Amino acid sequence: MAVVETERQGQVFIVRMNRPERLNALSTEMRTELAKAWTEFRVAKDLEVAIFTGTGRGFCAGEDMKESLQKGVAGGQRPAMEDPFMSGALEKPVIGAINGFAMGGGFMLVERTDLRVAVAEAVFEVSEAKRWLLGGYNHGHIANVPYPIAMEMALGFRFTAQRFYEVGFLNRVVEADQLMPTALGMAEHLLTLPPASRVNTVHMMRQMRPAPAPEMQRLAAALHDHGAKSDLMESRAAFAEKRKPNFKGWNDPADRYRLPTLDKAK
C-alpha cells in the first residue's frame, strides 16, 4: 500500500497521505513520496490545481516520533530530492482538505496551502513547544492573527476547526461528506480564471505573507539552543511510552535567567 496516493481529475491533482494507522505521521518514506508527488504536479503541463488531504482520522500527525527514537535524532529527515511544496518553488495553487488531526509538522503542511477547507471534527496544534526548546513563535505571525491567538498557538494549545475558521485561518468548515466536493468546487473556480491571472495572483499573495525579520530568526536560533538538549528526546520518549515526561529544563539552572537577546543574537 502506497504511503502517498495521487489521483488526476482533469486539471486537478489530488495528493493523499496514506498511513491511517499512524495518523499519516511523516516518516522518511512519506516525506520522499510527497516530494515525488509535488514534483510530478509541478512539471505536469496538464495539471493546474492540487488538493492535499489525508486518509482516515488524521490529516497528518507530524513527525514520526517512533522513527525519531529508533534513529536517536529529534525531527524528521528531509528527503534527498527537493520537495517544491516545502521549498516554496511550486508555482501552482494548493487547496488543503483537512480531514482530521493536523499536528506539529502536519500543521505546517496546512500552513503552506493557499486555500483551506476542513471537517468540523479537525483538530490543529502547533507542537514545537512540546517537542523543542522554543515554541512555534512564527506560525501566528505568518497567519497574521492577533497576538494572544499567536501566543496560544506558540504555546501548544489545541484549536478546533471552528475556532480557526473564526480567526481566519480556514476558508470553510464542512461536514465530512462535503470535504472533497467543497475542495473540488474551489479548484473548479480557480480553473475558470485566466491562467496567467491565477498564477500571478497566487504568486503575489504569497509574497505579501508576513515573515519574521532576520534578527528575529537569529534570536529564535539562539533560543532553540537555550536549554537541556536531553529534553528533546525525553519529550518523544514520553509520547511514545504514553507517560508524563521528566524534563531537566537547563543543564545549569541559572541559564533560565540568561536568555539570549536581540542584540546578542546578531
C-alpha atoms as a PDB file:
ATOM      1  CA  MET A   1       0.000   0.000   0.000  1.00  0.00           C
ATOM      2  CA  ALA A   2       1.477   3.329  -1.073  1.00  0.00           C
ATOM      3  CA  VAL A   3       2.048   5.814   1.751  1.00  0.00           C
ATOM      4  CA  VAL A   4       1.152   8.630  -0.665  1.00  0.00           C
ATOM      5  CA  GLU A   5      -1.606   8.195  -3.252  1.00  0.00           C
ATOM      6  CA  THR A   6      -2.221  10.536  -6.169  1.00  0.00           C
ATOM      7  CA  GLU A   7      -5.203  10.954  -8.456  1.00  0.00           C
ATOM      8  CA  ARG A   8      -5.896  13.082 -11.515  1.00  0.00           C
ATOM      9  CA  GLN A   9      -9.298  14.618 -12.159  1.00  0.00           C
ATOM     10  CA  GLY A  10      -8.912  16.692 -15.279  1.00  0.00           C
ATOM     11  CA  GLN A  11      -6.531  19.530 -14.420  1.00  0.00           C
ATOM     12  CA  VAL A  12      -6.830  18.822 -10.685  1.00  0.00           C
ATOM     13  CA  PHE A  13      -4.192  16.718  -8.913  1.00  0.00           C
ATOM     14  CA  ILE A  14      -5.150  15.078  -5.604  1.00  0.00           C
ATOM     15  CA  VAL A  15      -2.338  14.189  -3.188  1.00  0.00           C
ATOM     16  CA  ARG A  16      -3.439  11.934  -0.333  1.00  0.00           C
ATOM     17  CA  MET A  17      -1.253  10.876   2.610  1.00  0.00           C
ATOM     18  CA  ASN A  18      -1.985   7.236   3.350  1.00  0.00           C
ATOM     19  CA  ARG A  19      -0.691   5.955   6.697  1.00  0.00           C
ATOM     20  CA  PRO A  20      -4.025   5.963   8.554  1.00  0.00           C
ATOM     21  CA  GLU A  21      -2.755   3.591  11.245  1.00  0.00           C
ATOM     22  CA  ARG A  22      -0.217   6.297  12.257  1.00  0.00           C
ATOM     23  CA  LEU A  23      -2.468   9.302  11.590  1.00  0.00           C
ATOM     24  CA  ASN A  24      -0.315   9.910   8.489  1.00  0.00           C
ATOM     25  CA  ALA A  25       2.810  10.702  10.519  1.00  0.00           C
ATOM     26  CA  LEU A  26       5.713  11.959   8.416  1.00  0.00           C
ATOM     27  CA  SER A  27       8.099   9.043   8.088  1.00  0.00           C
ATOM     28  CA  THR A  28      11.202   9.360   5.911  1.00  0.00           C
ATOM     29  CA  GLU A  29       9.412   7.287   3.271  1.00  0.00           C
ATOM     30  CA  MET A  30       6.366   9.557   3.285  1.00  0.00           C
ATOM     31  CA  ARG A  31       8.487  12.711   3.010  1.00  0.00           C
ATOM     32  CA  THR A  32      10.235  11.231  -0.023  1.00  0.00           C
ATOM     33  CA  GLU A  33       6.987  10.149  -1.687  1.00  0.00           C
ATOM     34  CA  LEU A  34       5.443  13.582  -1.078  1.00  0.00           C
ATOM     35  CA  ALA A  35       8.466  15.209  -2.718  1.00  0.00           C
ATOM     36  CA  LYS A  36       7.966  12.947  -5.750  1.00  0.00           C
ATOM     37  CA  ALA A  37       4.235  13.744  -5.928  1.00  0.00           C
ATOM     38  CA  TRP A  38       4.738  17.511  -5.704  1.00  0.00           C
ATOM     39  CA  THR A  39       7.473  17.348  -8.338  1.00  0.00           C
ATOM     40  CA  GLU A  40       5.119  15.448 -10.641  1.00  0.00           C
ATOM     41  CA  PHE A  41       2.458  18.121 -10.094  1.00  0.00           C
ATOM     42  CA  ARG A  42       4.893  20.961 -10.685  1.00  0.00           C
ATOM     43  CA  VAL A  43       6.248  19.713 -14.011  1.00  0.00           C
ATOM     44  CA  ALA A  44       2.951  18.370 -15.441  1.00  0.00           C
ATOM     45  CA  LYS A  45       1.681  20.697 -18.172  1.00  0.00           C
ATOM     46  CA  ASP A  46      -1.885  19.382 -17.884  1.00  0.00           C
ATOM     47  CA  LEU A  47      -2.245  19.929 -14.108  1.00  0.00           C
ATOM     48  CA  GLU A  48      -3.076  23.357 -12.664  1.00  0.00           C
ATOM     49  CA  VAL A  49      -4.525  22.977  -9.131  1.00  0.00           C
ATOM     50  CA  ALA A  50      -3.789  20.478  -6.349  1.00  0.00           C
ATOM     51  CA  ILE A  51      -5.837  19.247  -3.407  1.00  0.00           C
ATOM     52  CA  PHE A  52      -3.862  17.972  -0.417  1.00  0.00           C
ATOM     53  CA  THR A  53      -5.594  15.611   2.026  1.00  0.00           C
ATOM     54  CA  GLY A  54      -5.166  12.517   4.186  1.00  0.00           C
ATOM     55  CA  THR A  55      -6.714   9.093   4.757  1.00  0.00           C
ATOM     56  CA  GLY A  56      -8.510   8.166   7.971  1.00  0.00           C
ATOM     57  CA  ARG A  57      -8.904  10.226  11.161  1.00  0.00           C
ATOM     58  CA  GLY A  58      -5.806  12.308  10.609  1.00  0.00           C
ATOM     59  CA  PHE A  59      -4.663  14.786   8.020  1.00  0.00           C
ATOM     60  CA  CYS A  60      -1.128  14.452   9.396  1.00  0.00           C
ATOM     61  CA  ALA A  61       0.177  13.897  12.941  1.00  0.00           C
ATOM     62  CA  GLY A  62       3.540  15.467  12.091  1.00  0.00           C
ATOM     63  CA  GLU A  63       6.897  13.962  12.988  1.00  0.00           C
ATOM     64  CA  ASP A  64       7.034  10.167  13.176  1.00  0.00           C
ATOM     65  CA  MET A  65       8.387  10.109  16.723  1.00  0.00           C
ATOM     66  CA  LYS A  66       8.813   6.339  16.815  1.00  0.00           C
ATOM     67  CA  GLU A  67      11.136   6.648  13.843  1.00  0.00           C
ATOM     68  CA  SER A  68      12.980   9.531  15.561  1.00  0.00           C
ATOM     69  CA  LEU A  69      13.510   7.389  18.662  1.00  0.00           C
ATOM     70  CA  GLN A  70      14.786   4.495  16.566  1.00  0.00           C
ATOM     71  CA  LYS A  71      17.312   6.803  14.871  1.00  0.00           C
ATOM     72  CA  GLY A  72      18.146   8.681  18.071  1.00  0.00           C
ATOM     73  CA  VAL A  73      17.700  12.050  16.364  1.00  0.00           C
ATOM     74  CA  ALA A  74      14.928  14.552  17.011  1.00  0.00           C
ATOM     75  CA  GLY A  75      12.995  15.787  13.997  1.00  0.00           C
ATOM     76  CA  GLY A  76      12.243  14.207  10.653  1.00  0.00           C
ATOM     77  CA  GLN A  77      14.802  13.547   7.954  1.00  0.00           C
ATOM     78  CA  ARG A  78      14.405  15.648   4.817  1.00  0.00           C
ATOM     79  CA  PRO A  79      14.281  13.719   1.526  1.00  0.00           C
ATOM     80  CA  ALA A  80      17.338  13.704  -0.723  1.00  0.00           C
ATOM     81  CA  MET A  81      15.346  15.347  -3.527  1.00  0.00           C
ATOM     82  CA  GLU A  82      13.758  18.799  -3.409  1.00  0.00           C
ATOM     83  CA  ASP A  83      10.139  18.994  -2.319  1.00  0.00           C
ATOM     84  CA  PRO A  84       8.798  22.013  -4.260  1.00  0.00           C
ATOM     85  CA  PHE A  85       5.775  22.302  -1.969  1.00  0.00           C
ATOM     86  CA  MET A  86       8.000  22.679   1.116  1.00  0.00           C
ATOM     87  CA  SER A  87      10.750  24.743  -0.556  1.00  0.00           C
ATOM     88  CA  GLY A  88       8.317  27.303  -1.982  1.00  0.00           C
ATOM     89  CA  ALA A  89       9.296  26.558  -5.577  1.00  0.00           C
ATOM     90  CA  LEU A  90       5.793  25.343  -6.501  1.00  0.00           C
ATOM     91  CA  GLU A  91       4.079  27.983  -8.658  1.00  0.00           C
ATOM     92  CA  LYS A  92       0.653  26.325  -8.708  1.00  0.00           C
ATOM     93  CA  PRO A  93      -2.083  26.731  -6.050  1.00  0.00           C
ATOM     94  CA  VAL A  94      -2.713  24.042  -3.451  1.00  0.00           C
ATOM     95  CA  ILE A  95      -6.014  23.582  -1.595  1.00  0.00           C
ATOM     96  CA  GLY A  96      -5.803  21.890   1.788  1.00  0.00           C
ATOM     97  CA  ALA A  97      -8.646  19.450   2.513  1.00  0.00           C
ATOM     98  CA  ILE A  98      -8.076  18.777   6.203  1.00  0.00           C
ATOM     99  CA  ASN A  99      -9.851  15.565   7.146  1.00  0.00           C
ATOM    100  CA  GLY A 100      -8.756  15.278  10.783  1.00  0.00           C
ATOM    101  CA  PHE A 101      -5.825  15.885  13.142  1.00  0.00           C
ATOM    102  CA  ALA A 102      -3.205  18.350  11.844  1.00  0.00           C
ATOM    103  CA  MET A 103      -0.474  18.438  14.470  1.00  0.00           C
ATOM    104  CA  GLY A 104       3.090  19.762  14.506  1.00  0.00           C
ATOM    105  CA  GLY A 105       4.601  19.100  11.095  1.00  0.00           C
ATOM    106  CA  GLY A 106       1.093  18.308   9.879  1.00  0.00           C
ATOM    107  CA  PHE A 107       0.004  21.803  10.855  1.00  0.00           C
ATOM    108  CA  MET A 108       2.967  23.165   8.910  1.00  0.00           C
ATOM    109  CA  LEU A 109       1.713  21.350   5.812  1.00  0.00           C
ATOM    110  CA  VAL A 110      -1.673  23.052   6.205  1.00  0.00           C
ATOM    111  CA  GLU A 111       0.092  26.370   6.700  1.00  0.00           C
ATOM    112  CA  ARG A 112       1.738  26.075   3.279  1.00  0.00           C
ATOM    113  CA  THR A 113      -1.547  25.584   1.421  1.00  0.00           C
ATOM    114  CA  ASP A 114      -3.215  28.539  -0.284  1.00  0.00           C
ATOM    115  CA  LEU A 115      -6.876  27.779   0.455  1.00  0.00           C
ATOM    116  CA  ARG A 116      -8.178  25.550   3.269  1.00  0.00           C
ATOM    117  CA  VAL A 117     -11.344  23.574   3.907  1.00  0.00           C
ATOM    118  CA  ALA A 118     -11.621  21.358   6.986  1.00  0.00           C
ATOM    119  CA  VAL A 119     -14.083  18.948   8.505  1.00  0.00           C
ATOM    120  CA  ALA A 120     -15.787  20.171  11.660  1.00  0.00           C
ATOM    121  CA  GLU A 121     -14.007  17.473  13.710  1.00  0.00           C
ATOM    122  CA  ALA A 122     -10.490  18.548  12.664  1.00  0.00           C
ATOM    123  CA  VAL A 123      -8.067  19.454  15.455  1.00  0.00           C
ATOM    124  CA  PHE A 124      -4.995  21.667  14.983  1.00  0.00           C
ATOM    125  CA  GLU A 125      -1.891  22.073  17.108  1.00  0.00           C
ATOM    126  CA  VAL A 126       1.425  23.882  16.690  1.00  0.00           C
ATOM    127  CA  SER A 127       3.513  21.367  18.655  1.00  0.00           C
ATOM    128  CA  GLU A 128       7.030  22.864  18.789  1.00  0.00           C
ATOM    129  CA  ALA A 129       6.643  23.950  22.429  1.00  0.00           C
ATOM    130  CA  LYS A 130       6.101  20.306  23.378  1.00  0.00           C
ATOM    131  CA  ARG A 131       8.996  18.848  21.340  1.00  0.00           C
ATOM    132  CA  TRP A 132      11.733  21.507  21.115  1.00  0.00           C
ATOM    133  CA  LEU A 133      13.285  24.258  23.258  1.00  0.00           C
ATOM    134  CA  LEU A 134      11.294  27.016  21.546  1.00  0.00           C
ATOM    135  CA  GLY A 135       7.600  27.091  20.713  1.00  0.00           C
ATOM    136  CA  GLY A 136       6.203  27.849  17.262  1.00  0.00           C
ATOM    137  CA  TYR A 137       6.780  31.585  17.507  1.00  0.00           C
ATOM    138  CA  ASN A 138       6.389  32.246  13.778  1.00  0.00           C
ATOM    139  CA  HIS A 139       3.139  30.477  12.895  1.00  0.00           C
ATOM    140  CA  GLY A 140       0.716  33.010  14.323  1.00  0.00           C
ATOM    141  CA  HIS A 141       2.824  35.766  12.784  1.00  0.00           C
ATOM    142  CA  ILE A 142       2.655  34.153   9.348  1.00  0.00           C
ATOM    143  CA  ALA A 143      -1.094  33.586   9.793  1.00  0.00           C
ATOM    144  CA  ASN A 144      -1.448  37.278  10.712  1.00  0.00           C
ATOM    145  CA  VAL A 145      -3.613  36.564  13.767  1.00  0.00           C
ATOM    146  CA  PRO A 146      -3.820  38.786  16.895  1.00  0.00           C
ATOM    147  CA  TYR A 147      -1.043  38.494  19.496  1.00  0.00           C
ATOM    148  CA  PRO A 148      -2.950  36.448  22.106  1.00  0.00           C
ATOM    149  CA  ILE A 149      -4.016  33.927  19.441  1.00  0.00           C
ATOM    150  CA  ALA A 150      -0.444  33.737  18.147  1.00  0.00           C
ATOM    151  CA  MET A 151       0.752  33.210  21.739  1.00  0.00           C
ATOM    152  CA  GLU A 152      -1.812  30.456  22.244  1.00  0.00           C
ATOM    153  CA  MET A 153      -0.608  28.763  19.068  1.00  0.00           C
ATOM    154  CA  ALA A 154       3.056  29.110  20.053  1.00  0.00           C
ATOM    155  CA  LEU A 155       2.461  27.550  23.472  1.00  0.00           C
ATOM    156  CA  GLY A 156       0.962  24.383  22.011  1.00  0.00           C
ATOM    157  CA  PHE A 157      -2.747  24.825  22.760  1.00  0.00           C
ATOM    158  CA  ARG A 158      -5.134  22.922  20.518  1.00  0.00           C
ATOM    159  CA  PHE A 159      -7.639  24.578  18.204  1.00  0.00           C
ATOM    160  CA  THR A 160     -10.871  23.283  16.743  1.00  0.00           C
ATOM    161  CA  ALA A 161     -11.709  23.851  13.103  1.00  0.00           C
ATOM    162  CA  GLN A 162     -14.460  26.263  14.102  1.00  0.00           C
ATOM    163  CA  ARG A 163     -12.054  28.361  16.175  1.00  0.00           C
ATOM    164  CA  PHE A 164      -9.548  28.520  13.337  1.00  0.00           C
ATOM    165  CA  TYR A 165     -12.340  29.480  10.949  1.00  0.00           C
ATOM    166  CA  GLU A 166     -13.327  32.309  13.289  1.00  0.00           C
ATOM    167  CA  VAL A 167      -9.782  33.722  13.427  1.00  0.00           C
ATOM    168  CA  GLY A 168      -9.446  33.493   9.647  1.00  0.00           C
ATOM    169  CA  PHE A 169      -7.033  30.558   9.289  1.00  0.00           C
ATOM    170  CA  LEU A 170      -9.575  28.380   7.424  1.00  0.00           C
ATOM    171  CA  ASN A 171     -11.765  29.274   4.444  1.00  0.00           C
ATOM    172  CA  ARG A 172     -14.505  26.681   5.013  1.00  0.00           C
ATOM    173  CA  VAL A 173     -15.649  24.217   7.686  1.00  0.00           C
ATOM    174  CA  VAL A 174     -17.852  21.437   6.350  1.00  0.00           C
ATOM    175  CA  GLU A 175     -19.271  18.026   7.185  1.00  0.00           C
ATOM    176  CA  ALA A 176     -17.047  15.080   6.304  1.00  0.00           C
ATOM    177  CA  ASP A 177     -19.044  14.053   3.238  1.00  0.00           C
ATOM    178  CA  GLN A 178     -18.657  17.562   1.812  1.00  0.00           C
ATOM    179  CA  LEU A 179     -14.894  17.878   2.282  1.00  0.00           C
ATOM    180  CA  MET A 180     -13.728  16.745  -1.142  1.00  0.00           C
ATOM    181  CA  PRO A 181     -16.738  18.156  -3.059  1.00  0.00           C
ATOM    182  CA  THR A 182     -16.061  21.560  -1.483  1.00  0.00           C
ATOM    183  CA  ALA A 183     -12.336  21.385  -2.248  1.00  0.00           C
ATOM    184  CA  LEU A 184     -13.078  20.307  -5.826  1.00  0.00           C
ATOM    185  CA  GLY A 185     -15.564  23.163  -6.164  1.00  0.00           C
ATOM    186  CA  MET A 186     -12.867  25.623  -5.090  1.00  0.00           C
ATOM    187  CA  ALA A 187     -10.474  24.055  -7.594  1.00  0.00           C
ATOM    188  CA  GLU A 188     -13.051  24.364 -10.386  1.00  0.00           C
ATOM    189  CA  HIS A 189     -13.443  28.062  -9.581  1.00  0.00           C
ATOM    190  CA  LEU A 190      -9.677  28.566  -9.867  1.00  0.00           C
ATOM    191  CA  LEU A 191      -9.744  26.856 -13.260  1.00  0.00           C
ATOM    192  CA  THR A 192     -12.270  29.417 -14.573  1.00  0.00           C
ATOM    193  CA  LEU A 193      -9.673  32.195 -14.143  1.00  0.00           C
ATOM    194  CA  PRO A 194      -7.283  33.218 -16.915  1.00  0.00           C
ATOM    195  CA  PRO A 195      -4.188  31.026 -16.383  1.00  0.00           C
ATOM    196  CA  ALA A 196      -1.814  33.986 -16.019  1.00  0.00           C
ATOM    197  CA  SER A 197      -4.180  35.663 -13.563  1.00  0.00           C
ATOM    198  CA  ARG A 198      -4.352  32.539 -11.398  1.00  0.00           C
ATOM    199  CA  VAL A 199      -0.577  32.024 -11.343  1.00  0.00           C
ATOM    200  CA  ASN A 200       0.284  35.708 -10.905  1.00  0.00           C
ATOM    201  CA  THR A 201      -2.285  36.286  -8.165  1.00  0.00           C
ATOM    202  CA  VAL A 202      -1.164  33.270  -6.148  1.00  0.00           C
ATOM    203  CA  HIS A 203       2.466  34.400  -6.509  1.00  0.00           C
ATOM    204  CA  MET A 204       1.641  37.965  -5.438  1.00  0.00           C
ATOM    205  CA  MET A 205      -0.396  36.865  -2.437  1.00  0.00           C
ATOM    206  CA  ARG A 206       2.394  34.563  -1.271  1.00  0.00           C
ATOM    207  CA  GLN A 207       4.902  37.443  -1.407  1.00  0.00           C
ATOM    208  CA  MET A 208       2.637  39.504   0.860  1.00  0.00           C
ATOM    209  CA  ARG A 209       2.502  36.944   3.662  1.00  0.00           C
ATOM    210  CA  PRO A 210       4.233  38.181   6.848  1.00  0.00           C
ATOM    211  CA  ALA A 211       7.572  36.606   7.740  1.00  0.00           C
ATOM    212  CA  PRO A 212       9.801  37.018  10.819  1.00  0.00           C
ATOM    213  CA  ALA A 213      12.573  39.563  10.302  1.00  0.00           C
ATOM    214  CA  PRO A 214      16.170  38.233  10.034  1.00  0.00           C
ATOM    215  CA  GLU A 215      17.069  39.447  13.528  1.00  0.00           C
ATOM    216  CA  MET A 216      14.072  37.572  14.936  1.00  0.00           C
ATOM    217  CA  GLN A 217      15.181  34.418  13.133  1.00  0.00           C
ATOM    218  CA  ARG A 218      18.675  34.786  14.630  1.00  0.00           C
ATOM    219  CA  LEU A 219      17.165  35.168  18.111  1.00  0.00           C
ATOM    220  CA  ALA A 220      14.998  32.104  17.501  1.00  0.00           C
ATOM    221  CA  ALA A 221      18.092  30.092  16.501  1.00  0.00           C
ATOM    222  CA  ALA A 222      19.780  31.081  19.768  1.00  0.00           C
ATOM    223  CA  LEU A 223      16.689  30.166  21.794  1.00  0.00           C
ATOM    224  CA  HIS A 224      16.498  26.761  20.091  1.00  0.00           C
ATOM    225  CA  ASP A 225      19.822  26.003  21.829  1.00  0.00           C
ATOM    226  CA  HIS A 226      18.901  27.577  25.161  1.00  0.00           C
ATOM    227  CA  GLY A 227      18.143  24.626  27.433  1.00  0.00           C
ATOM    228  CA  ALA A 228      18.897  20.984  28.111  1.00  0.00           C
ATOM    229  CA  LYS A 229      19.122  19.185  24.775  1.00  0.00           C
ATOM    230  CA  SER A 230      18.273  15.906  26.523  1.00  0.00           C
ATOM    231  CA  ASP A 231      14.697  17.163  26.837  1.00  0.00           C
ATOM    232  CA  LEU A 232      14.251  16.815  23.049  1.00  0.00           C
ATOM    233  CA  MET A 233      14.423  13.026  23.102  1.00  0.00           C
ATOM    234  CA  GLU A 234      12.704  12.825  26.509  1.00  0.00           C
ATOM    235  CA  SER A 235       9.612  14.536  25.073  1.00  0.00           C
ATOM    236  CA  ARG A 236       9.497  11.997  22.251  1.00  0.00           C
ATOM    237  CA  ALA A 237      10.124   9.012  24.509  1.00  0.00           C
ATOM    238  CA  ALA A 238       7.365  10.116  26.897  1.00  0.00           C
ATOM    239  CA  PHE A 239       4.958  10.490  23.987  1.00  0.00           C
ATOM    240  CA  ALA A 240       5.786   7.048  22.608  1.00  0.00           C
ATOM    241  CA  GLU A 241       5.576   5.440  26.059  1.00  0.00           C
ATOM    242  CA  LYS A 242       2.378   7.333  26.967  1.00  0.00           C
ATOM    243  CA  ARG A 243       3.800   8.720  30.206  1.00  0.00           C
ATOM    244  CA  LYS A 244       4.499  12.089  31.782  1.00  0.00           C
ATOM    245  CA  PRO A 245       7.858  13.500  30.636  1.00  0.00           C
ATOM    246  CA  ASN A 246      10.673  14.071  33.124  1.00  0.00           C
ATOM    247  CA  PHE A 247      12.199  17.290  31.830  1.00  0.00           C
ATOM    248  CA  LYS A 248      15.538  18.666  33.017  1.00  0.00           C
ATOM    249  CA  GLY A 249      14.997  22.216  31.759  1.00  0.00           C
ATOM    250  CA  TRP A 250      18.537  23.610  31.876  1.00  0.00           C
ATOM    251  CA  ASN A 251      21.921  21.977  32.427  1.00  0.00           C
ATOM    252  CA  ASP A 252      22.743  24.964  34.639  1.00  0.00           C
ATOM    253  CA  PRO A 253      19.608  26.195  36.488  1.00  0.00           C
ATOM    254  CA  ALA A 254      20.927  29.765  36.280  1.00  0.00           C
ATOM    255  CA  ASP A 255      20.586  29.630  32.487  1.00  0.00           C
ATOM    256  CA  ARG A 256      16.858  30.229  32.985  1.00  0.00           C
ATOM    257  CA  TYR A 257      17.763  33.868  33.634  1.00  0.00           C
ATOM    258  CA  ARG A 258      20.394  34.184  30.897  1.00  0.00           C
ATOM    259  CA  LEU A 259      18.021  34.486  27.959  1.00  0.00           C
ATOM    260  CA  PRO A 260      19.531  35.394  24.593  1.00  0.00           C
ATOM    261  CA  THR A 261      18.546  38.875  23.460  1.00  0.00           C
ATOM    262  CA  LEU A 262      18.207  40.549  20.090  1.00  0.00           C
ATOM    263  CA  ASP A 263      21.458  42.495  20.423  1.00  0.00           C
ATOM    264  CA  LYS A 264      23.444  39.379  21.398  1.00  0.00           C
ATOM    265  CA  ALA A 265      21.884  37.262  18.618  1.00  0.00           C
ATOM    266  CA  LYS A 266      23.329  39.452  15.843  1.00  0.00           C
END
